Amino acid sequence: MKNKLIQLSTAVKTFVKDRSMILAGGFPMSRQVNAFIKEILRQRKAGNLKLNDMFWVEPGVGFGGDLLIAEGVVDSVISTFSSHARPGLSMVVRRALEQGIPRKIKWEDESNLTLNLKVMAGALNLPFIPSNSGVWGDLKNQGLWDGAHSYPKNVIHEDPYGSGKKVALLQALRPELSVVHVQFADTRGNGMILGSMYYDYWSGRAGKDIILIADRIIDGEMCARFPNLVAIPGAGVTAVVPWYLGSWPANSPGLYGEDLEHMSSFVKISRNEGTLREYIDKYVYSWKTYDDYLDLIGRDKIKSLESNPSTVLAEAFQKWIYPEEKVCELLAQNQTAPIGN
């Protein structure tokens, strides 16, 4: 079977395209694709990636979305809210929407139901899906679409079977790329999620290309033993990126908790453009290697994040986790191999 492991930098340079729709998995504080987002910005700054007008879709715009918006690469957003949950609200989105700093972004509001249904419709290869949510209120009004990106809003339609009831026909979302953070994945792309699923059952099926960011690479036997935990089947996954702590400062239940101290600090830092610039320079651009990345988080901090009540969720699966040396060997095999299914 094909080995789908690739380096983080390779994944970004290969699959992130300007003006394409990218759907991010996870939720604020949990399983966010933050390492992938930082690498997008790093590759752009290095000149390896032309990126000026991202079409960003995220159930709740949190830490990673803030970084993209703060760096001025986002043109349009589809989301249900912007927040860092317990740590508070960032000023990044507010400045972009109200003041156009660093640029004016277009924002389309959805409810948690309408956005999930649109992603589900995309995963099922349907052009649209009916919904009760979206019939009333301002969610049915157009806010984002200006011709630059194709995103017409809900069409209100009467039941063709004669009940007289009106429903909203929601356009399916079929992003060019879906990126989902999972705790475990095997080399064939089977992704296993512990804890809340959020949108990711459908997000991991909706993209034309699907990338998993995995904290740990596992023996495929684990997927056979626990098929109920395989949330995203490898048949539809394009590539897997091994990156432990790829969700930090958000959590990855079973492996590490959220870094509330860091996230609360970021919320305060984001109130000032100067301190936010210093933060991005340090935490996005300053490090060169994976070890540098871990040092930036702090080795003692990592130990404290790993000392988390949720780690009981992963205790039974330790014997299937590949050691770092094995993962490096598998990555080396794919350095010159073609990427894809």
C-alpha atoms as a PDB file:
ATOM      1  CA  MET A   1       0.000   0.000   0.000  1.00  0.00           C
ATOM      2  CA  LYS A   2       1.137   3.549  -0.747  1.00  0.00           C
ATOM      3  CA  ASN A   3       3.082   5.440   1.912  1.00  0.00           C
ATOM      4  CA  LYS A   4       1.457   8.892   2.135  1.00  0.00           C
ATOM      5  CA  LEU A   5       3.816  10.522   4.637  1.00  0.00           C
ATOM      6  CA  ILE A   6       5.329  13.831   3.507  1.00  0.00           C
ATOM      7  CA  GLN A   7       7.164  16.733   5.110  1.00  0.00           C
ATOM      8  CA  LEU A   8       5.190  19.748   6.346  1.00  0.00           C
ATOM      9  CA  SER A   9       7.021  22.118   4.005  1.00  0.00           C
ATOM     10  CA  THR A  10       6.333  19.832   1.029  1.00  0.00           C
ATOM     11  CA  ALA A  11       2.630  19.664   1.861  1.00  0.00           C
ATOM     12  CA  VAL A  12       2.301  23.437   1.977  1.00  0.00           C
ATOM     13  CA  LYS A  13       4.302  24.113  -1.189  1.00  0.00           C
ATOM     14  CA  THR A  14       2.435  21.402  -3.101  1.00  0.00           C
ATOM     15  CA  PHE A  15      -1.188  21.931  -2.075  1.00  0.00           C
ATOM     16  CA  VAL A  16      -1.673  25.545  -0.980  1.00  0.00           C
ATOM     17  CA  LYS A  17      -2.684  27.667  -3.974  1.00  0.00           C
ATOM     18  CA  ASP A  18      -3.543  31.339  -4.161  1.00  0.00           C
ATOM     19  CA  ARG A  19      -7.276  32.183  -4.444  1.00  0.00           C
ATOM     20  CA  SER A  20      -8.304  28.608  -3.701  1.00  0.00           C
ATOM     21  CA  MET A  21     -10.718  27.650  -0.918  1.00  0.00           C
ATOM     22  CA  ILE A  22      -9.035  26.005   2.080  1.00  0.00           C
ATOM     23  CA  LEU A  23     -11.064  24.352   4.838  1.00  0.00           C
ATOM     24  CA  ALA A  24      -9.402  24.011   8.260  1.00  0.00           C
ATOM     25  CA  GLY A  25     -10.489  21.374  10.759  1.00  0.00           C
ATOM     26  CA  GLY A  26     -10.658  21.506  14.532  1.00  0.00           C
ATOM     27  CA  PHE A  27     -12.206  24.177  16.720  1.00  0.00           C
ATOM     28  CA  PRO A  28     -10.823  26.993  18.896  1.00  0.00           C
ATOM     29  CA  MET A  29      -8.731  25.389  21.656  1.00  0.00           C
ATOM     30  CA  SER A  30      -8.814  21.898  20.100  1.00  0.00           C
ATOM     31  CA  ARG A  31      -7.053  20.129  17.202  1.00  0.00           C
ATOM     32  CA  GLN A  32      -6.379  23.275  15.209  1.00  0.00           C
ATOM     33  CA  VAL A  33      -4.052  23.059  12.205  1.00  0.00           C
ATOM     34  CA  ASN A  34      -1.707  25.696  13.621  1.00  0.00           C
ATOM     35  CA  ALA A  35       1.617  24.180  12.499  1.00  0.00           C
ATOM     36  CA  PHE A  36       0.277  23.995   8.940  1.00  0.00           C
ATOM     37  CA  ILE A  37      -0.833  27.631   9.080  1.00  0.00           C
ATOM     38  CA  LYS A  38       2.532  28.803  10.386  1.00  0.00           C
ATOM     39  CA  GLU A  39       4.262  26.905   7.587  1.00  0.00           C
ATOM     40  CA  ILE A  40       2.048  28.655   5.024  1.00  0.00           C
ATOM     41  CA  LEU A  41       3.316  31.997   6.284  1.00  0.00           C
ATOM     42  CA  ARG A  42       6.906  30.778   6.512  1.00  0.00           C
ATOM     43  CA  GLN A  43       6.903  29.487   2.931  1.00  0.00           C
ATOM     44  CA  ARG A  44       5.328  32.718   1.711  1.00  0.00           C
ATOM     45  CA  LYS A  45       7.968  34.830   3.437  1.00  0.00           C
ATOM     46  CA  ALA A  46      10.720  32.584   2.022  1.00  0.00           C
ATOM     47  CA  GLY A  47       9.390  33.243  -1.481  1.00  0.00           C
ATOM     48  CA  ASN A  48       8.372  29.631  -2.070  1.00  0.00           C
ATOM     49  CA  LEU A  49       4.661  30.359  -2.118  1.00  0.00           C
ATOM     50  CA  LYS A  50       2.706  33.014  -3.974  1.00  0.00           C
ATOM     51  CA  LEU A  51      -0.202  33.800  -1.693  1.00  0.00           C
ATOM     52  CA  ASN A  52      -2.196  37.015  -1.515  1.00  0.00           C
ATOM     53  CA  ASP A  53      -5.915  36.179  -1.515  1.00  0.00           C
ATOM     54  CA  MET A  54      -6.825  33.147   0.565  1.00  0.00           C
ATOM     55  CA  PHE A  55     -10.441  31.971   0.762  1.00  0.00           C
ATOM     56  CA  TRP A  56     -10.392  30.643   4.336  1.00  0.00           C
ATOM     57  CA  VAL A  57     -13.115  28.392   5.769  1.00  0.00           C
ATOM     58  CA  GLU A  58     -12.963  27.548   9.478  1.00  0.00           C
ATOM     59  CA  PRO A  59     -15.819  26.581  11.837  1.00  0.00           C
ATOM     60  CA  GLY A  60     -14.554  29.062  14.434  1.00  0.00           C
ATOM     61  CA  VAL A  61     -11.699  31.380  13.511  1.00  0.00           C
ATOM     62  CA  GLY A  62      -9.186  31.073  16.317  1.00  0.00           C
ATOM     63  CA  PHE A  63      -5.430  31.202  16.790  1.00  0.00           C
ATOM     64  CA  GLY A  64      -4.267  30.066  13.335  1.00  0.00           C
ATOM     65  CA  GLY A  65      -6.881  32.061  11.436  1.00  0.00           C
ATOM     66  CA  ASP A  66      -5.808  35.147  13.372  1.00  0.00           C
ATOM     67  CA  LEU A  67      -2.209  34.672  12.204  1.00  0.00           C
ATOM     68  CA  LEU A  68      -3.264  34.468   8.552  1.00  0.00           C
ATOM     69  CA  ILE A  69      -5.511  37.518   8.810  1.00  0.00           C
ATOM     70  CA  ALA A  70      -2.862  39.488  10.719  1.00  0.00           C
ATOM     71  CA  GLU A  71      -0.367  38.825   7.914  1.00  0.00           C
ATOM     72  CA  GLY A  72      -2.795  40.129   5.296  1.00  0.00           C
ATOM     73  CA  VAL A  73      -3.068  37.013   3.134  1.00  0.00           C
ATOM     74  CA  VAL A  74      -6.796  36.384   3.665  1.00  0.00           C
ATOM     75  CA  ASP A  75      -9.334  37.883   1.264  1.00  0.00           C
ATOM     76  CA  SER A  76     -12.530  36.064   2.287  1.00  0.00           C
ATOM     77  CA  VAL A  77     -13.717  34.057   5.296  1.00  0.00           C
ATOM     78  CA  ILE A  78     -16.609  31.688   5.886  1.00  0.00           C
ATOM     79  CA  SER A  79     -17.120  30.967   9.585  1.00  0.00           C
ATOM     80  CA  THR A  80     -19.600  30.821  12.432  1.00  0.00           C
ATOM     81  CA  PHE A  81     -17.679  33.048  14.883  1.00  0.00           C
ATOM     82  CA  SER A  82     -14.263  34.362  15.871  1.00  0.00           C
ATOM     83  CA  SER A  83     -12.977  33.600  19.362  1.00  0.00           C
ATOM     84  CA  HIS A  84     -10.306  31.921  21.456  1.00  0.00           C
ATOM     85  CA  ALA A  85     -12.981  30.528  23.785  1.00  0.00           C
ATOM     86  CA  ARG A  86     -11.864  30.660  27.423  1.00  0.00           C
ATOM     87  CA  PRO A  87      -8.828  32.953  26.867  1.00  0.00           C
ATOM     88  CA  GLY A  88     -11.052  35.618  25.279  1.00  0.00           C
ATOM     89  CA  LEU A  89     -11.461  37.571  22.050  1.00  0.00           C
ATOM     90  CA  SER A  90      -8.644  38.641  19.757  1.00  0.00           C
ATOM     91  CA  MET A  91      -8.601  42.054  18.109  1.00  0.00           C
ATOM     92  CA  VAL A  92      -7.181  40.729  14.836  1.00  0.00           C
ATOM     93  CA  VAL A  93     -10.486  39.944  13.107  1.00  0.00           C
ATOM     94  CA  ARG A  94     -12.167  43.053  14.500  1.00  0.00           C
ATOM     95  CA  ARG A  95      -9.441  45.355  13.161  1.00  0.00           C
ATOM     96  CA  ALA A  96      -9.604  43.721   9.730  1.00  0.00           C
ATOM     97  CA  LEU A  97     -13.397  43.988   9.519  1.00  0.00           C
ATOM     98  CA  GLU A  98     -13.854  47.437  11.026  1.00  0.00           C
ATOM     99  CA  GLN A  99     -10.650  49.263  10.097  1.00  0.00           C
ATOM    100  CA  GLY A 100      -9.217  47.293   7.190  1.00  0.00           C
ATOM    101  CA  ILE A 101      -5.993  46.586   9.123  1.00  0.00           C
ATOM    102  CA  PRO A 102      -3.883  45.113   7.608  1.00  0.00           C
ATOM    103  CA  ARG A 103      -6.562  44.768   4.896  1.00  0.00           C
ATOM    104  CA  LYS A 104     -10.324  44.687   4.607  1.00  0.00           C
ATOM    105  CA  ILE A 105     -11.625  41.129   4.591  1.00  0.00           C
ATOM    106  CA  LYS A 106     -14.980  39.808   3.417  1.00  0.00           C
ATOM    107  CA  TRP A 107     -16.787  37.686   5.979  1.00  0.00           C
ATOM    108  CA  GLU A 108     -19.711  35.324   5.515  1.00  0.00           C
ATOM    109  CA  ASP A 109     -21.570  34.298   8.665  1.00  0.00           C
ATOM    110  CA  GLU A 110     -23.032  30.827   8.972  1.00  0.00           C
ATOM    111  CA  SER A 111     -24.721  28.999  11.824  1.00  0.00           C
ATOM    112  CA  ASN A 112     -23.057  25.885  13.165  1.00  0.00           C
ATOM    113  CA  LEU A 113     -25.779  23.904  11.429  1.00  0.00           C
ATOM    114  CA  THR A 114     -25.665  25.584   8.006  1.00  0.00           C
ATOM    115  CA  LEU A 115     -21.871  25.417   7.741  1.00  0.00           C
ATOM    116  CA  ASN A 116     -21.766  21.786   8.819  1.00  0.00           C
ATOM    117  CA  LEU A 117     -24.502  20.931   6.316  1.00  0.00           C
ATOM    118  CA  LYS A 118     -22.647  22.705   3.508  1.00  0.00           C
ATOM    119  CA  VAL A 119     -19.462  20.778   4.284  1.00  0.00           C
ATOM    120  CA  MET A 120     -21.460  17.548   4.498  1.00  0.00           C
ATOM    121  CA  ALA A 121     -23.051  18.237   1.106  1.00  0.00           C
ATOM    122  CA  GLY A 122     -19.600  18.777  -0.379  1.00  0.00           C
ATOM    123  CA  ALA A 123     -18.377  15.516   1.117  1.00  0.00           C
ATOM    124  CA  LEU A 124     -21.384  13.685  -0.354  1.00  0.00           C
ATOM    125  CA  ASN A 125     -20.815  15.312  -3.756  1.00  0.00           C
ATOM    126  CA  LEU A 126     -24.221  17.008  -3.669  1.00  0.00           C
ATOM    127  CA  PRO A 127     -24.678  20.454  -5.282  1.00  0.00           C
ATOM    128  CA  PHE A 128     -26.852  21.667  -2.398  1.00  0.00           C
ATOM    129  CA  ILE A 129     -28.700  20.485   0.698  1.00  0.00           C
ATOM    130  CA  PRO A 130     -32.029  21.634   2.230  1.00  0.00           C
ATOM    131  CA  SER A 131     -32.154  23.070   5.734  1.00  0.00           C
ATOM    132  CA  ASN A 132     -34.559  24.686   8.180  1.00  0.00           C
ATOM    133  CA  SER A 133     -31.689  26.875   9.394  1.00  0.00           C
ATOM    134  CA  GLY A 134     -31.080  29.682   6.920  1.00  0.00           C
ATOM    135  CA  VAL A 135     -34.731  30.403   6.125  1.00  0.00           C
ATOM    136  CA  TRP A 136     -35.082  33.304   8.548  1.00  0.00           C
ATOM    137  CA  GLY A 137     -32.835  35.978  10.026  1.00  0.00           C
ATOM    138  CA  ASP A 138     -29.886  37.731   8.413  1.00  0.00           C
ATOM    139  CA  LEU A 139     -27.955  34.496   7.833  1.00  0.00           C
ATOM    140  CA  LYS A 140     -29.822  34.163   4.547  1.00  0.00           C
ATOM    141  CA  ASN A 141     -28.502  37.537   3.350  1.00  0.00           C
ATOM    142  CA  GLN A 142     -25.464  37.819   1.115  1.00  0.00           C
ATOM    143  CA  GLY A 143     -22.421  39.249   2.836  1.00  0.00           C
ATOM    144  CA  LEU A 144     -19.286  37.854   1.235  1.00  0.00           C
ATOM    145  CA  TRP A 145     -19.774  37.275  -2.430  1.00  0.00           C
ATOM    146  CA  ASP A 146     -18.578  40.091  -4.705  1.00  0.00           C
ATOM    147  CA  GLY A 147     -17.740  38.133  -7.845  1.00  0.00           C
ATOM    148  CA  ALA A 148     -14.128  37.512  -6.857  1.00  0.00           C
ATOM    149  CA  HIS A 149     -15.058  34.193  -5.274  1.00  0.00           C
ATOM    150  CA  SER A 150     -18.101  32.133  -6.175  1.00  0.00           C
ATOM    151  CA  TYR A 151     -20.238  31.834  -3.060  1.00  0.00           C
ATOM    152  CA  PRO A 152     -23.928  32.606  -3.690  1.00  0.00           C
ATOM    153  CA  LYS A 153     -26.028  32.501  -0.531  1.00  0.00           C
ATOM    154  CA  ASN A 154     -29.084  30.443   0.352  1.00  0.00           C
ATOM    155  CA  VAL A 155     -31.992  29.971  -2.020  1.00  0.00           C
ATOM    156  CA  ILE A 156     -35.389  29.817  -0.287  1.00  0.00           C
ATOM    157  CA  HIS A 157     -37.590  27.165  -1.867  1.00  0.00           C
ATOM    158  CA  GLU A 158     -41.030  25.773  -1.151  1.00  0.00           C
ATOM    159  CA  ASP A 159     -41.469  22.064  -0.522  1.00  0.00           C
ATOM    160  CA  PRO A 160     -42.100  20.488  -3.983  1.00  0.00           C
ATOM    161  CA  TYR A 161     -44.235  17.797  -2.315  1.00  0.00           C
ATOM    162  CA  GLY A 162     -46.950  20.262  -1.419  1.00  0.00           C
ATOM    163  CA  SER A 163     -46.679  20.861   2.328  1.00  0.00           C
ATOM    164  CA  GLY A 164     -46.191  24.590   1.801  1.00  0.00           C
ATOM    165  CA  LYS A 165     -43.141  24.615   4.050  1.00  0.00           C
ATOM    166  CA  LYS A 166     -40.157  26.705   2.964  1.00  0.00           C
ATOM    167  CA  VAL A 167     -36.585  25.501   3.303  1.00  0.00           C
ATOM    168  CA  ALA A 168     -33.209  27.009   2.551  1.00  0.00           C
ATOM    169  CA  LEU A 169     -31.195  25.345  -0.197  1.00  0.00           C
ATOM    170  CA  LEU A 170     -27.586  25.587   0.944  1.00  0.00           C
ATOM    171  CA  GLN A 171     -24.793  25.522  -1.618  1.00  0.00           C
ATOM    172  CA  ALA A 172     -22.333  22.692  -0.977  1.00  0.00           C
ATOM    173  CA  LEU A 173     -18.785  23.597  -0.008  1.00  0.00           C
ATOM    174  CA  ARG A 174     -16.209  21.688  -2.005  1.00  0.00           C
ATOM    175  CA  PRO A 175     -12.859  23.233  -1.018  1.00  0.00           C
ATOM    176  CA  GLU A 176      -9.741  22.705  -3.063  1.00  0.00           C
ATOM    177  CA  LEU A 177      -8.013  21.632   0.152  1.00  0.00           C
ATOM    178  CA  SER A 178      -9.139  20.300   3.533  1.00  0.00           C
ATOM    179  CA  VAL A 179      -6.609  20.161   6.372  1.00  0.00           C
ATOM    180  CA  VAL A 180      -7.471  18.245   9.554  1.00  0.00           C
ATOM    181  CA  HIS A 181      -5.385  17.648  12.669  1.00  0.00           C
ATOM    182  CA  VAL A 182      -5.698  14.120  14.084  1.00  0.00           C
ATOM    183  CA  GLN A 183      -4.037  12.400  16.992  1.00  0.00           C
ATOM    184  CA  PHE A 184      -3.106   9.259  15.046  1.00  0.00           C
ATOM    185  CA  ALA A 185      -2.717   8.325  11.389  1.00  0.00           C
ATOM    186  CA  ASP A 186      -1.173   5.367   9.610  1.00  0.00           C
ATOM    187  CA  THR A 187       0.935   5.581   6.467  1.00  0.00           C
ATOM    188  CA  ARG A 188      -2.108   4.875   4.271  1.00  0.00           C
ATOM    189  CA  GLY A 189      -3.897   7.977   5.516  1.00  0.00           C
ATOM    190  CA  ASN A 190      -6.379   6.489   7.962  1.00  0.00           C
ATOM    191  CA  GLY A 191      -6.929   9.193  10.574  1.00  0.00           C
ATOM    192  CA  MET A 192      -8.047   8.455  14.134  1.00  0.00           C
ATOM    193  CA  ILE A 193      -9.610  11.141  16.333  1.00  0.00           C
ATOM    194  CA  LEU A 194     -10.009  11.002  20.104  1.00  0.00           C
ATOM    195  CA  GLY A 195     -12.517  13.280  21.811  1.00  0.00           C
ATOM    196  CA  SER A 196     -14.938  15.646  20.110  1.00  0.00           C
ATOM    197  CA  MET A 197     -15.221  15.306  16.332  1.00  0.00           C
ATOM    198  CA  TYR A 198     -16.542  18.821  15.596  1.00  0.00           C
ATOM    199  CA  TYR A 199     -16.906  19.185  11.806  1.00  0.00           C
ATOM    200  CA  ASP A 200     -14.084  16.860  10.964  1.00  0.00           C
ATOM    201  CA  TYR A 201     -15.987  13.726   9.991  1.00  0.00           C
ATOM    202  CA  TRP A 202     -17.185  15.673   6.957  1.00  0.00           C
ATOM    203  CA  SER A 203     -14.227  18.063   6.626  1.00  0.00           C
ATOM    204  CA  GLY A 204     -11.993  15.036   6.163  1.00  0.00           C
ATOM    205  CA  ARG A 205     -14.095  13.986   3.194  1.00  0.00           C
ATOM    206  CA  ALA A 206     -15.030  17.301   1.551  1.00  0.00           C
ATOM    207  CA  GLY A 207     -11.769  18.550   0.026  1.00  0.00           C
ATOM    208  CA  LYS A 208     -10.564  17.794  -3.472  1.00  0.00           C
ATOM    209  CA  ASP A 209      -7.259  17.196  -1.685  1.00  0.00           C
ATOM    210  CA  ILE A 210      -7.218  16.177   1.979  1.00  0.00           C
ATOM    211  CA  ILE A 211      -4.187  16.506   4.255  1.00  0.00           C
ATOM    212  CA  LEU A 212      -3.957  15.095   7.763  1.00  0.00           C
ATOM    213  CA  ILE A 213      -1.590  16.625  10.305  1.00  0.00           C
ATOM    214  CA  ALA A 214      -0.912  13.764  12.712  1.00  0.00           C
ATOM    215  CA  ASP A 215       0.639  13.973  16.160  1.00  0.00           C
ATOM    216  CA  ARG A 216       1.644  10.317  15.961  1.00  0.00           C
ATOM    217  CA  ILE A 217       2.129   7.840  13.133  1.00  0.00           C
ATOM    218  CA  ILE A 218       0.841   4.396  13.995  1.00  0.00           C
ATOM    219  CA  ASP A 219       0.989   0.843  12.724  1.00  0.00           C
ATOM    220  CA  GLY A 220      -2.012   0.115  10.510  1.00  0.00           C
ATOM    221  CA  GLU A 221      -2.894  -2.772  12.804  1.00  0.00           C
ATOM    222  CA  MET A 222      -4.289  -0.250  15.256  1.00  0.00           C
ATOM    223  CA  CYS A 223      -6.826   0.916  12.666  1.00  0.00           C
ATOM    224  CA  ALA A 224      -7.869  -2.700  12.085  1.00  0.00           C
ATOM    225  CA  ARG A 225      -8.237  -3.301  15.832  1.00  0.00           C
ATOM    226  CA  PHE A 226     -10.227  -0.110  16.460  1.00  0.00           C
ATOM    227  CA  PRO A 227     -12.100   0.704  13.230  1.00  0.00           C
ATOM    228  CA  ASN A 228     -14.637   2.756  15.209  1.00  0.00           C
ATOM    229  CA  LEU A 229     -11.914   5.354  15.869  1.00  0.00           C
ATOM    230  CA  VAL A 230     -11.016   5.765  12.180  1.00  0.00           C
ATOM    231  CA  ALA A 231     -12.833   9.048  11.644  1.00  0.00           C
ATOM    232  CA  ILE A 232     -11.249   9.758   8.252  1.00  0.00           C
ATOM    233  CA  PRO A 233     -10.643   6.851   5.847  1.00  0.00           C
ATOM    234  CA  GLY A 234      -7.318   6.749   4.060  1.00  0.00           C
ATOM    235  CA  ALA A 235      -8.906   6.088   0.661  1.00  0.00           C
ATOM    236  CA  GLY A 236      -9.752   9.790   0.313  1.00  0.00           C
ATOM    237  CA  VAL A 237      -6.652  11.240   1.991  1.00  0.00           C
ATOM    238  CA  THR A 238      -3.947  12.722  -0.232  1.00  0.00           C
ATOM    239  CA  ALA A 239      -1.111  13.061   2.279  1.00  0.00           C
ATOM    240  CA  VAL A 240      -0.192  12.744   5.964  1.00  0.00           C
ATOM    241  CA  VAL A 241       2.165  15.124   7.743  1.00  0.00           C
ATOM    242  CA  PRO A 242       3.743  13.859  10.989  1.00  0.00           C
ATOM    243  CA  TRP A 243       4.008  16.794  13.409  1.00  0.00           C
ATOM    244  CA  TYR A 244       3.692  16.249  17.143  1.00  0.00           C
ATOM    245  CA  LEU A 245       2.283  19.332  18.883  1.00  0.00           C
ATOM    246  CA  GLY A 246       1.002  20.556  15.538  1.00  0.00           C
ATOM    247  CA  SER A 247      -2.125  21.900  17.228  1.00  0.00           C
ATOM    248  CA  TRP A 248      -0.268  23.925  19.896  1.00  0.00           C
ATOM    249  CA  PRO A 249      -1.258  26.161  21.637  1.00  0.00           C
ATOM    250  CA  ALA A 250      -4.610  24.385  21.146  1.00  0.00           C
ATOM    251  CA  ASN A 251      -4.979  20.884  22.536  1.00  0.00           C
ATOM    252  CA  SER A 252      -4.985  17.388  21.091  1.00  0.00           C
ATOM    253  CA  PRO A 253      -7.048  15.267  23.516  1.00  0.00           C
ATOM    254  CA  GLY A 254      -5.257  12.160  24.682  1.00  0.00           C
ATOM    255  CA  LEU A 255      -1.808  13.611  24.023  1.00  0.00           C
ATOM    256  CA  TYR A 256      -1.584  17.188  25.341  1.00  0.00           C
ATOM    257  CA  GLY A 257      -3.799  19.898  26.752  1.00  0.00           C
ATOM    258  CA  GLU A 258      -4.334  23.460  25.607  1.00  0.00           C
ATOM    259  CA  ASP A 259      -1.734  26.073  26.582  1.00  0.00           C
ATOM    260  CA  LEU A 260      -4.089  28.513  28.307  1.00  0.00           C
ATOM    261  CA  GLU A 261      -1.214  30.695  29.520  1.00  0.00           C
ATOM    262  CA  HIS A 262       0.105  31.165  25.982  1.00  0.00           C
ATOM    263  CA  MET A 263      -3.329  31.697  24.446  1.00  0.00           C
ATOM    264  CA  SER A 264      -4.311  34.258  27.085  1.00  0.00           C
ATOM    265  CA  SER A 265      -1.031  36.064  26.475  1.00  0.00           C
ATOM    266  CA  PHE A 266      -1.729  36.089  22.725  1.00  0.00           C
ATOM    267  CA  VAL A 267      -5.160  37.656  23.285  1.00  0.00           C
ATOM    268  CA  LYS A 268      -3.514  40.514  25.197  1.00  0.00           C
ATOM    269  CA  ILE A 269      -0.689  40.835  22.668  1.00  0.00           C
ATOM    270  CA  SER A 270      -3.154  41.041  19.768  1.00  0.00           C
ATOM    271  CA  ARG A 271      -4.600  44.298  21.111  1.00  0.00           C
ATOM    272  CA  ASN A 272      -1.525  46.147  19.894  1.00  0.00           C
ATOM    273  CA  GLU A 273      -0.188  45.885  16.352  1.00  0.00           C
ATOM    274  CA  GLY A 274       3.404  46.376  17.465  1.00  0.00           C
ATOM    275  CA  THR A 275       3.420  43.597  20.063  1.00  0.00           C
ATOM    276  CA  LEU A 276       1.522  41.344  17.652  1.00  0.00           C
ATOM    277  CA  ARG A 277       4.263  41.907  15.058  1.00  0.00           C
ATOM    278  CA  GLU A 278       6.911  40.917  17.589  1.00  0.00           C
ATOM    279  CA  TYR A 279       4.931  37.789  18.483  1.00  0.00           C
ATOM    280  CA  ILE A 280       4.615  36.674  14.848  1.00  0.00           C
ATOM    281  CA  ASP A 281       8.287  37.298  14.164  1.00  0.00           C
ATOM    282  CA  LYS A 282       9.210  35.107  17.131  1.00  0.00           C
ATOM    283  CA  TYR A 283       6.686  32.280  17.009  1.00  0.00           C
ATOM    284  CA  VAL A 284       6.180  31.970  13.250  1.00  0.00           C
ATOM    285  CA  TYR A 285       9.418  33.039  11.572  1.00  0.00           C
ATOM    286  CA  SER A 286      12.315  32.689  14.028  1.00  0.00           C
ATOM    287  CA  TRP A 287      12.691  28.898  14.222  1.00  0.00           C
ATOM    288  CA  LYS A 288      14.391  26.746  11.588  1.00  0.00           C
ATOM    289  CA  THR A 289      14.069  23.107  12.686  1.00  0.00           C
ATOM    290  CA  TYR A 290      11.528  20.963  14.499  1.00  0.00           C
ATOM    291  CA  ASP A 291      13.771  20.959  17.578  1.00  0.00           C
ATOM    292  CA  ASP A 292      13.752  24.767  17.441  1.00  0.00           C
ATOM    293  CA  TYR A 293       9.963  24.617  17.341  1.00  0.00           C
ATOM    294  CA  LEU A 294       9.895  22.481  20.485  1.00  0.00           C
ATOM    295  CA  ASP A 295      12.418  24.740  22.209  1.00  0.00           C
ATOM    296  CA  LEU A 296      10.232  27.736  21.403  1.00  0.00           C
ATOM    297  CA  ILE A 297       7.268  26.088  23.080  1.00  0.00           C
ATOM    298  CA  GLY A 298       9.538  25.127  25.993  1.00  0.00           C
ATOM    299  CA  ARG A 299      10.465  21.596  27.039  1.00  0.00           C
ATOM    300  CA  ASP A 300       9.107  22.078  30.554  1.00  0.00           C
ATOM    301  CA  LYS A 301       5.939  23.555  29.116  1.00  0.00           C
ATOM    302  CA  ILE A 302       5.504  20.504  26.880  1.00  0.00           C
ATOM    303  CA  LYS A 303       5.834  18.186  29.877  1.00  0.00           C
ATOM    304  CA  SER A 304       3.159  20.151  31.711  1.00  0.00           C
ATOM    305  CA  LEU A 305       0.826  20.030  28.701  1.00  0.00           C
ATOM    306  CA  GLU A 306       1.355  16.263  28.479  1.00  0.00           C
ATOM    307  CA  SER A 307       0.440  15.934  32.152  1.00  0.00           C
ATOM    308  CA  ASN A 308      -3.218  16.274  31.337  1.00  0.00           C
ATOM    309  CA  PRO A 309      -6.294  14.289  32.460  1.00  0.00           C
ATOM    310  CA  SER A 310      -7.243  13.609  28.840  1.00  0.00           C
ATOM    311  CA  THR A 311      -4.107  11.506  28.245  1.00  0.00           C
ATOM    312  CA  VAL A 312      -5.976   8.501  29.641  1.00  0.00           C
ATOM    313  CA  LEU A 313      -7.743   8.399  26.257  1.00  0.00           C
ATOM    314  CA  ALA A 314      -4.530   7.340  24.501  1.00  0.00           C
ATOM    315  CA  GLU A 315      -2.977   5.044  27.098  1.00  0.00           C
ATOM    316  CA  ALA A 316      -4.206   1.852  25.415  1.00  0.00           C
ATOM    317  CA  PHE A 317      -2.677   2.760  22.042  1.00  0.00           C
ATOM    318  CA  GLN A 318       0.967   3.419  22.923  1.00  0.00           C
ATOM    319  CA  LYS A 319       2.292   0.104  21.579  1.00  0.00           C
ATOM    320  CA  TRP A 320       1.179   0.921  18.014  1.00  0.00           C
ATOM    321  CA  ILE A 321       2.950   4.295  17.831  1.00  0.00           C
ATOM    322  CA  TYR A 322       5.975   4.282  15.514  1.00  0.00           C
ATOM    323  CA  PRO A 323       9.226   5.575  17.038  1.00  0.00           C
ATOM    324  CA  GLU A 324      10.694   8.763  15.626  1.00  0.00           C
ATOM    325  CA  GLU A 325      13.426   6.854  13.753  1.00  0.00           C
ATOM    326  CA  LYS A 326      10.827   4.777  11.890  1.00  0.00           C
ATOM    327  CA  VAL A 327       8.855   7.884  10.918  1.00  0.00           C
ATOM    328  CA  CYS A 328      12.010   9.547   9.589  1.00  0.00           C
ATOM    329  CA  GLU A 329      12.741   6.474   7.457  1.00  0.00           C
ATOM    330  CA  LEU A 330       9.229   6.526   6.001  1.00  0.00           C
ATOM    331  CA  LEU A 331       9.476  10.241   5.247  1.00  0.00           C
ATOM    332  CA  ALA A 332      12.814   9.723   3.520  1.00  0.00           C
ATOM    333  CA  GLN A 333      11.244   7.124   1.228  1.00  0.00           C
ATOM    334  CA  ASN A 334       8.809   9.744  -0.064  1.00  0.00           C
ATOM    335  CA  GLN A 335      11.161  12.644  -0.684  1.00  0.00           C
ATOM    336  CA  THR A 336      11.381  11.906  -4.404  1.00  0.00           C
ATOM    337  CA  ALA A 337       8.166   9.927  -4.810  1.00  0.00           C
ATOM    338  CA  PRO A 338       5.120  11.431  -6.568  1.00  0.00           C
ATOM    339  CA  ILE A 339       2.424  12.771  -4.240  1.00  0.00           C
ATOM    340  CA  GLY A 340      -1.219  11.760  -4.462  1.00  0.00           C
ATOM    341  CA  ASN A 341      -3.583   8.859  -4.134  1.00  0.00           C
END
